[in-house]
Amino acid sequence: MLPRVLEPEVMDSVAEARDYDAMDHSEVNHRFVGDFLGLGPNLRRVLDVGTGTALIPLLLCQKRSEAHVVAVDYAESMLDLAQRHVREAGFDRRIELHRGDAKRMAFAADSFTAVISNSIVHHIPEPGLVLAEMLRVLSPGGVFFVRDLMRPESDEQVRHLVKTYAAGANAHQQQLFEASLRAALTLEEARGLMESLGIYGDAVQATSDRHWTVSATKTA
């Protein structure tokens, strides 16, 4: 098994933000939003943690007119692009952008009817802190839906995934994807973290050749 190799916690250069935004996330994002909506969540107040350039909140609001999303990221360059996207889509009243540290969010406990996150966990050296914070701000009965990359077992698998899913990307984008794969958790590590937070059983599953997903309802 490959060791976990951490990458920078915050992607906050203009070049990184632009390269990330220019990558084709459409298939992954549509699947994420479709799987989340399939859980029948209350969309009155959704929190998206590590929103990047707000692509998932935009898609969610496009699909459901009742959706209102608070979107958090720590990278100013990402949020600058997110603000542009939100304004151009006309969703200023339905998507709120906030800059903040996902490990210490400025929201009261039980504030959100659903908490979602796509691909933030691999950026965090101690991801349990972020997962615990997400659960803190989720109201009882709310949907907790988190998806992230899954660390491959070998260098050969890393190269295969980069070739398969980033073949059309530029060199920097391919480098970002490879670094993210190497920084990700294994399925077993993700399950261990969730068990430490009181989420057991089949809540954490491998949902593609490169993703794990946790889907649960907060009970208390």
C-alpha atoms as a PDB file:
ATOM      1  CA  MET A   1       0.000   0.000   0.000  1.00  0.00           C
ATOM      2  CA  LEU A   2       1.295   3.446  -0.888  1.00  0.00           C
ATOM      3  CA  PRO A   3       1.961   5.767   2.056  1.00  0.00           C
ATOM      4  CA  ARG A   4      -0.139   8.890   2.302  1.00  0.00           C
ATOM      5  CA  VAL A   5       1.781  11.918   0.959  1.00  0.00           C
ATOM      6  CA  LEU A   6       0.228  15.187   2.074  1.00  0.00           C
ATOM      7  CA  GLU A   7      -0.348  18.037  -0.355  1.00  0.00           C
ATOM      8  CA  PRO A   8      -0.935  21.729   0.472  1.00  0.00           C
ATOM      9  CA  GLU A   9      -4.074  22.178   2.534  1.00  0.00           C
ATOM     10  CA  VAL A  10      -5.170  25.264   0.581  1.00  0.00           C
ATOM     11  CA  MET A  11      -4.992  25.708  -3.207  1.00  0.00           C
ATOM     12  CA  ASP A  12      -4.880  29.486  -3.193  1.00  0.00           C
ATOM     13  CA  SER A  13      -2.764  30.597  -6.126  1.00  0.00           C
ATOM     14  CA  VAL A  14      -4.504  32.140  -9.112  1.00  0.00           C
ATOM     15  CA  ALA A  15      -2.938  29.525 -11.407  1.00  0.00           C
ATOM     16  CA  GLU A  16      -4.163  26.624  -9.267  1.00  0.00           C
ATOM     17  CA  ALA A  17      -7.666  28.053  -9.074  1.00  0.00           C
ATOM     18  CA  ARG A  18      -7.839  28.619 -12.816  1.00  0.00           C
ATOM     19  CA  ASP A  19      -6.450  25.178 -13.660  1.00  0.00           C
ATOM     20  CA  TYR A  20      -8.858  23.513 -11.226  1.00  0.00           C
ATOM     21  CA  ASP A  21     -11.804  25.443 -12.618  1.00  0.00           C
ATOM     22  CA  ALA A  22     -10.833  24.632 -16.199  1.00  0.00           C
ATOM     23  CA  MET A  23     -10.733  20.869 -15.621  1.00  0.00           C
ATOM     24  CA  ASP A  24     -13.764  18.882 -16.726  1.00  0.00           C
ATOM     25  CA  HIS A  25     -15.556  18.010 -13.479  1.00  0.00           C
ATOM     26  CA  SER A  26     -18.970  17.674 -15.100  1.00  0.00           C
ATOM     27  CA  GLU A  27     -19.383  13.891 -14.923  1.00  0.00           C
ATOM     28  CA  VAL A  28     -18.175  13.645 -11.330  1.00  0.00           C
ATOM     29  CA  ASN A  29     -20.237  16.633 -10.207  1.00  0.00           C
ATOM     30  CA  HIS A  30     -23.439  15.438 -11.881  1.00  0.00           C
ATOM     31  CA  ARG A  31     -23.028  12.053 -10.259  1.00  0.00           C
ATOM     32  CA  PHE A  32     -22.351  13.629  -6.872  1.00  0.00           C
ATOM     33  CA  VAL A  33     -25.438  15.854  -7.026  1.00  0.00           C
ATOM     34  CA  GLY A  34     -27.613  13.062  -8.410  1.00  0.00           C
ATOM     35  CA  ASP A  35     -26.553  10.652  -5.652  1.00  0.00           C
ATOM     36  CA  PHE A  36     -27.123  13.310  -2.992  1.00  0.00           C
ATOM     37  CA  LEU A  37     -30.583  14.231  -4.280  1.00  0.00           C
ATOM     38  CA  GLY A  38     -31.448  10.543  -4.400  1.00  0.00           C
ATOM     39  CA  LEU A  39     -31.277  10.526  -0.594  1.00  0.00           C
ATOM     40  CA  GLY A  40     -34.265  12.887  -0.428  1.00  0.00           C
ATOM     41  CA  PRO A  41     -32.554  15.614   1.614  1.00  0.00           C
ATOM     42  CA  ASN A  42     -34.148  18.756   2.988  1.00  0.00           C
ATOM     43  CA  LEU A  43     -32.607  21.472   0.806  1.00  0.00           C
ATOM     44  CA  ARG A  44     -33.705  24.451   2.864  1.00  0.00           C
ATOM     45  CA  ARG A  45     -30.175  25.105   4.193  1.00  0.00           C
ATOM     46  CA  VAL A  46     -27.357  23.019   2.716  1.00  0.00           C
ATOM     47  CA  LEU A  47     -23.697  23.483   3.635  1.00  0.00           C
ATOM     48  CA  ASP A  48     -21.050  22.682   0.998  1.00  0.00           C
ATOM     49  CA  VAL A  49     -17.628  22.372   2.640  1.00  0.00           C
ATOM     50  CA  GLY A  50     -14.593  22.983   0.437  1.00  0.00           C
ATOM     51  CA  THR A  51     -16.707  24.351  -2.367  1.00  0.00           C
ATOM     52  CA  GLY A  52     -13.802  25.428  -4.593  1.00  0.00           C
ATOM     53  CA  THR A  53     -15.299  27.460  -7.417  1.00  0.00           C
ATOM     54  CA  ALA A  54     -18.874  26.562  -6.354  1.00  0.00           C
ATOM     55  CA  LEU A  55     -19.545  24.153  -9.214  1.00  0.00           C
ATOM     56  CA  ILE A  56     -21.609  21.764  -7.073  1.00  0.00           C
ATOM     57  CA  PRO A  57     -23.816  24.458  -5.472  1.00  0.00           C
ATOM     58  CA  LEU A  58     -24.479  25.853  -8.935  1.00  0.00           C
ATOM     59  CA  LEU A  59     -25.516  22.453 -10.243  1.00  0.00           C
ATOM     60  CA  LEU A  60     -27.658  21.765  -7.184  1.00  0.00           C
ATOM     61  CA  CYS A  61     -29.509  25.067  -7.573  1.00  0.00           C
ATOM     62  CA  GLN A  62     -29.998  24.423 -11.273  1.00  0.00           C
ATOM     63  CA  LYS A  63     -31.620  21.064 -10.541  1.00  0.00           C
ATOM     64  CA  ARG A  64     -33.767  22.080  -7.548  1.00  0.00           C
ATOM     65  CA  SER A  65     -35.471  25.444  -7.232  1.00  0.00           C
ATOM     66  CA  GLU A  66     -35.896  25.036  -3.454  1.00  0.00           C
ATOM     67  CA  ALA A  67     -32.173  24.603  -2.800  1.00  0.00           C
ATOM     68  CA  HIS A  68     -30.323  27.213  -0.730  1.00  0.00           C
ATOM     69  CA  VAL A  69     -26.609  26.603  -0.221  1.00  0.00           C
ATOM     70  CA  VAL A  70     -23.983  28.068   2.073  1.00  0.00           C
ATOM     71  CA  ALA A  71     -20.625  27.365   0.401  1.00  0.00           C
ATOM     72  CA  VAL A  72     -17.355  27.506   2.358  1.00  0.00           C
ATOM     73  CA  ASP A  73     -13.751  27.494   1.195  1.00  0.00           C
ATOM     74  CA  TYR A  74     -10.470  28.793   2.625  1.00  0.00           C
ATOM     75  CA  ALA A  75      -8.915  29.799  -0.706  1.00  0.00           C
ATOM     76  CA  GLU A  76      -9.586  33.370  -1.804  1.00  0.00           C
ATOM     77  CA  SER A  77      -8.647  32.657  -5.422  1.00  0.00           C
ATOM     78  CA  MET A  78     -11.206  29.851  -5.571  1.00  0.00           C
ATOM     79  CA  LEU A  79     -13.889  32.050  -4.027  1.00  0.00           C
ATOM     80  CA  ASP A  80     -13.148  34.870  -6.466  1.00  0.00           C
ATOM     81  CA  LEU A  81     -13.998  32.538  -9.340  1.00  0.00           C
ATOM     82  CA  ALA A  82     -16.943  31.120  -7.404  1.00  0.00           C
ATOM     83  CA  GLN A  83     -18.401  34.598  -6.948  1.00  0.00           C
ATOM     84  CA  ARG A  84     -18.156  35.222 -10.668  1.00  0.00           C
ATOM     85  CA  HIS A  85     -19.902  31.927 -11.451  1.00  0.00           C
ATOM     86  CA  VAL A  86     -22.692  32.575  -8.936  1.00  0.00           C
ATOM     87  CA  ARG A  87     -23.285  36.086 -10.249  1.00  0.00           C
ATOM     88  CA  GLU A  88     -23.341  34.966 -13.874  1.00  0.00           C
ATOM     89  CA  ALA A  89     -25.846  32.195 -13.037  1.00  0.00           C
ATOM     90  CA  GLY A  90     -28.113  34.619 -11.195  1.00  0.00           C
ATOM     91  CA  PHE A  91     -27.988  32.654  -7.939  1.00  0.00           C
ATOM     92  CA  ASP A  92     -26.794  35.436  -5.628  1.00  0.00           C
ATOM     93  CA  ARG A  93     -29.810  34.972  -3.355  1.00  0.00           C
ATOM     94  CA  ARG A  94     -29.566  31.189  -3.219  1.00  0.00           C
ATOM     95  CA  ILE A  95     -25.812  30.612  -2.828  1.00  0.00           C
ATOM     96  CA  GLU A  96     -23.895  32.301   0.002  1.00  0.00           C
ATOM     97  CA  LEU A  97     -20.114  32.208  -0.226  1.00  0.00           C
ATOM     98  CA  HIS A  98     -18.002  32.286   2.935  1.00  0.00           C
ATOM     99  CA  ARG A  99     -14.257  32.151   3.440  1.00  0.00           C
ATOM    100  CA  GLY A 100     -13.367  30.009   6.421  1.00  0.00           C
ATOM    101  CA  ASP A 101     -11.360  27.123   7.834  1.00  0.00           C
ATOM    102  CA  ALA A 102     -13.351  23.888   7.571  1.00  0.00           C
ATOM    103  CA  LYS A 103     -11.792  22.707  10.838  1.00  0.00           C
ATOM    104  CA  ARG A 104     -13.276  25.663  12.760  1.00  0.00           C
ATOM    105  CA  MET A 105     -16.384  26.936  11.017  1.00  0.00           C
ATOM    106  CA  ALA A 106     -18.213  30.000  12.305  1.00  0.00           C
ATOM    107  CA  PHE A 107     -21.633  28.342  12.390  1.00  0.00           C
ATOM    108  CA  ALA A 108     -23.701  27.283  15.366  1.00  0.00           C
ATOM    109  CA  ALA A 109     -24.322  23.618  16.067  1.00  0.00           C
ATOM    110  CA  ASP A 110     -27.281  22.035  14.263  1.00  0.00           C
ATOM    111  CA  SER A 111     -27.410  24.888  11.708  1.00  0.00           C
ATOM    112  CA  PHE A 112     -27.909  22.942   8.467  1.00  0.00           C
ATOM    113  CA  THR A 113     -30.449  20.491   7.095  1.00  0.00           C
ATOM    114  CA  ALA A 114     -27.751  18.796   5.001  1.00  0.00           C
ATOM    115  CA  VAL A 115     -23.954  18.907   4.851  1.00  0.00           C
ATOM    116  CA  ILE A 116     -22.107  17.903   1.694  1.00  0.00           C
ATOM    117  CA  SER A 117     -18.488  17.876   0.606  1.00  0.00           C
ATOM    118  CA  ASN A 118     -16.687  16.667  -2.488  1.00  0.00           C
ATOM    119  CA  SER A 119     -12.910  16.184  -2.449  1.00  0.00           C
ATOM    120  CA  ILE A 120     -11.828  18.239   0.551  1.00  0.00           C
ATOM    121  CA  VAL A 121     -10.785  15.399   2.873  1.00  0.00           C
ATOM    122  CA  HIS A 122      -7.562  14.582   1.031  1.00  0.00           C
ATOM    123  CA  HIS A 123      -6.373  18.178   1.502  1.00  0.00           C
ATOM    124  CA  ILE A 124      -6.538  17.968   5.304  1.00  0.00           C
ATOM    125  CA  PRO A 125      -3.609  16.542   7.331  1.00  0.00           C
ATOM    126  CA  GLU A 126      -6.025  15.486  10.121  1.00  0.00           C
ATOM    127  CA  PRO A 127      -9.312  14.937   8.268  1.00  0.00           C
ATOM    128  CA  GLY A 128     -11.130  13.730  11.365  1.00  0.00           C
ATOM    129  CA  LEU A 129     -11.248  17.340  12.553  1.00  0.00           C
ATOM    130  CA  VAL A 130     -13.126  18.449   9.441  1.00  0.00           C
ATOM    131  CA  LEU A 131     -15.520  15.499   9.476  1.00  0.00           C
ATOM    132  CA  ALA A 132     -16.332  16.126  13.135  1.00  0.00           C
ATOM    133  CA  GLU A 133     -16.955  19.804  12.410  1.00  0.00           C
ATOM    134  CA  MET A 134     -19.315  18.920   9.563  1.00  0.00           C
ATOM    135  CA  LEU A 135     -21.305  16.701  11.899  1.00  0.00           C
ATOM    136  CA  ARG A 136     -21.373  19.411  14.574  1.00  0.00           C
ATOM    137  CA  VAL A 137     -23.173  21.906  12.350  1.00  0.00           C
ATOM    138  CA  LEU A 138     -25.613  19.340  10.913  1.00  0.00           C
ATOM    139  CA  SER A 139     -29.035  19.237  12.523  1.00  0.00           C
ATOM    140  CA  PRO A 140     -30.473  15.941  13.836  1.00  0.00           C
ATOM    141  CA  GLY A 141     -32.190  14.099  11.003  1.00  0.00           C
ATOM    142  CA  GLY A 142     -30.028  15.911   8.472  1.00  0.00           C
ATOM    143  CA  VAL A 143     -28.176  14.210   5.622  1.00  0.00           C
ATOM    144  CA  PHE A 144     -24.391  13.870   5.791  1.00  0.00           C
ATOM    145  CA  PHE A 145     -22.933  13.189   2.328  1.00  0.00           C
ATOM    146  CA  VAL A 146     -19.174  13.294   1.771  1.00  0.00           C
ATOM    147  CA  ARG A 147     -17.203  11.958  -1.187  1.00  0.00           C
ATOM    148  CA  ASP A 148     -13.449  11.986  -1.731  1.00  0.00           C
ATOM    149  CA  LEU A 149     -10.681  10.368  -3.696  1.00  0.00           C
ATOM    150  CA  MET A 150      -9.444   6.943  -2.613  1.00  0.00           C
ATOM    151  CA  ARG A 151      -5.703   6.306  -2.419  1.00  0.00           C
ATOM    152  CA  PRO A 152      -4.528   3.606  -4.855  1.00  0.00           C
ATOM    153  CA  GLU A 153      -2.463   0.635  -3.738  1.00  0.00           C
ATOM    154  CA  SER A 154       0.480   1.158  -6.096  1.00  0.00           C
ATOM    155  CA  ASP A 155       2.328   3.611  -8.313  1.00  0.00           C
ATOM    156  CA  GLU A 156       1.064   1.639 -11.294  1.00  0.00           C
ATOM    157  CA  GLN A 157      -2.542   2.263 -10.256  1.00  0.00           C
ATOM    158  CA  VAL A 158      -1.816   5.967  -9.782  1.00  0.00           C
ATOM    159  CA  ARG A 159      -0.449   6.198 -13.315  1.00  0.00           C
ATOM    160  CA  HIS A 160      -3.421   4.277 -14.667  1.00  0.00           C
ATOM    161  CA  LEU A 161      -5.946   6.608 -13.006  1.00  0.00           C
ATOM    162  CA  VAL A 162      -4.138   9.723 -14.197  1.00  0.00           C
ATOM    163  CA  LYS A 163      -3.992   8.343 -17.739  1.00  0.00           C
ATOM    164  CA  THR A 164      -7.652   7.312 -17.634  1.00  0.00           C
ATOM    165  CA  TYR A 165      -9.193  10.423 -16.104  1.00  0.00           C
ATOM    166  CA  ALA A 166      -6.743  13.245 -16.887  1.00  0.00           C
ATOM    167  CA  ALA A 167      -5.402  12.293 -20.292  1.00  0.00           C
ATOM    168  CA  GLY A 168      -6.706  15.495 -21.876  1.00  0.00           C
ATOM    169  CA  ALA A 169      -5.511  17.753 -19.068  1.00  0.00           C
ATOM    170  CA  ASN A 170      -2.382  19.862 -19.151  1.00  0.00           C
ATOM    171  CA  ALA A 171       0.759  18.855 -17.237  1.00  0.00           C
ATOM    172  CA  HIS A 172      -0.078  20.963 -14.194  1.00  0.00           C
ATOM    173  CA  GLN A 173      -3.603  19.579 -13.987  1.00  0.00           C
ATOM    174  CA  GLN A 174      -2.284  16.023 -14.234  1.00  0.00           C
ATOM    175  CA  GLN A 175       0.219  16.810 -11.484  1.00  0.00           C
ATOM    176  CA  LEU A 176      -2.574  18.134  -9.259  1.00  0.00           C
ATOM    177  CA  PHE A 177      -4.643  14.998  -9.798  1.00  0.00           C
ATOM    178  CA  GLU A 178      -1.733  12.670  -9.054  1.00  0.00           C
ATOM    179  CA  ALA A 179      -0.863  14.589  -5.889  1.00  0.00           C
ATOM    180  CA  SER A 180      -4.492  14.374  -4.762  1.00  0.00           C
ATOM    181  CA  LEU A 181      -4.607  10.612  -5.297  1.00  0.00           C
ATOM    182  CA  ARG A 182      -1.461  10.192  -3.203  1.00  0.00           C
ATOM    183  CA  ALA A 183      -2.864  12.427  -0.444  1.00  0.00           C
ATOM    184  CA  ALA A 184      -6.203  10.628  -0.264  1.00  0.00           C
ATOM    185  CA  LEU A 185      -7.363   8.139   2.355  1.00  0.00           C
ATOM    186  CA  THR A 186      -7.874   4.453   1.727  1.00  0.00           C
ATOM    187  CA  LEU A 187     -11.364   3.028   2.185  1.00  0.00           C
ATOM    188  CA  GLU A 188     -10.264   1.415   5.440  1.00  0.00           C
ATOM    189  CA  GLU A 189      -8.851   4.691   6.759  1.00  0.00           C
ATOM    190  CA  ALA A 190     -12.080   6.516   5.895  1.00  0.00           C
ATOM    191  CA  ARG A 191     -14.152   3.862   7.645  1.00  0.00           C
ATOM    192  CA  GLY A 192     -11.956   4.055  10.712  1.00  0.00           C
ATOM    193  CA  LEU A 193     -12.371   7.820  10.920  1.00  0.00           C
ATOM    194  CA  MET A 194     -16.136   7.621  10.561  1.00  0.00           C
ATOM    195  CA  GLU A 195     -16.372   4.902  13.202  1.00  0.00           C
ATOM    196  CA  SER A 196     -14.475   7.158  15.595  1.00  0.00           C
ATOM    197  CA  LEU A 197     -17.241   9.731  15.009  1.00  0.00           C
ATOM    198  CA  GLY A 198     -20.057   7.256  15.611  1.00  0.00           C
ATOM    199  CA  ILE A 199     -20.928   6.353  12.005  1.00  0.00           C
ATOM    200  CA  TYR A 200     -20.695   2.610  11.434  1.00  0.00           C
ATOM    201  CA  GLY A 201     -21.781  -0.194   9.132  1.00  0.00           C
ATOM    202  CA  ASP A 202     -22.197   0.361   5.446  1.00  0.00           C
ATOM    203  CA  ALA A 203     -22.189   4.158   5.664  1.00  0.00           C
ATOM    204  CA  VAL A 204     -18.783   4.324   3.944  1.00  0.00           C
ATOM    205  CA  GLN A 205     -18.470   2.591   0.578  1.00  0.00           C
ATOM    206  CA  ALA A 206     -16.199   2.577  -2.457  1.00  0.00           C
ATOM    207  CA  THR A 207     -18.390   4.210  -5.099  1.00  0.00           C
ATOM    208  CA  SER A 208     -16.010   4.186  -8.071  1.00  0.00           C
ATOM    209  CA  ASP A 209     -12.500   3.058  -8.904  1.00  0.00           C
ATOM    210  CA  ARG A 210     -11.187   6.264  -7.345  1.00  0.00           C
ATOM    211  CA  HIS A 211     -13.794   7.461  -4.803  1.00  0.00           C
ATOM    212  CA  TRP A 212     -15.176   6.541  -1.409  1.00  0.00           C
ATOM    213  CA  THR A 213     -18.443   8.017  -0.140  1.00  0.00           C
ATOM    214  CA  VAL A 214     -20.024   8.337   3.280  1.00  0.00           C
ATOM    215  CA  SER A 215     -23.803   8.695   3.332  1.00  0.00           C
ATOM    216  CA  ALA A 216     -25.579   8.897   6.666  1.00  0.00           C
ATOM    217  CA  THR A 217     -28.333  10.612   8.658  1.00  0.00           C
ATOM    218  CA  LYS A 218     -27.435  12.355  11.895  1.00  0.00           C
ATOM    219  CA  THR A 219     -29.321  10.732  14.742  1.00  0.00           C
ATOM    220  CA  ALA A 220     -28.454  13.084  17.594  1.00  0.00           C
END
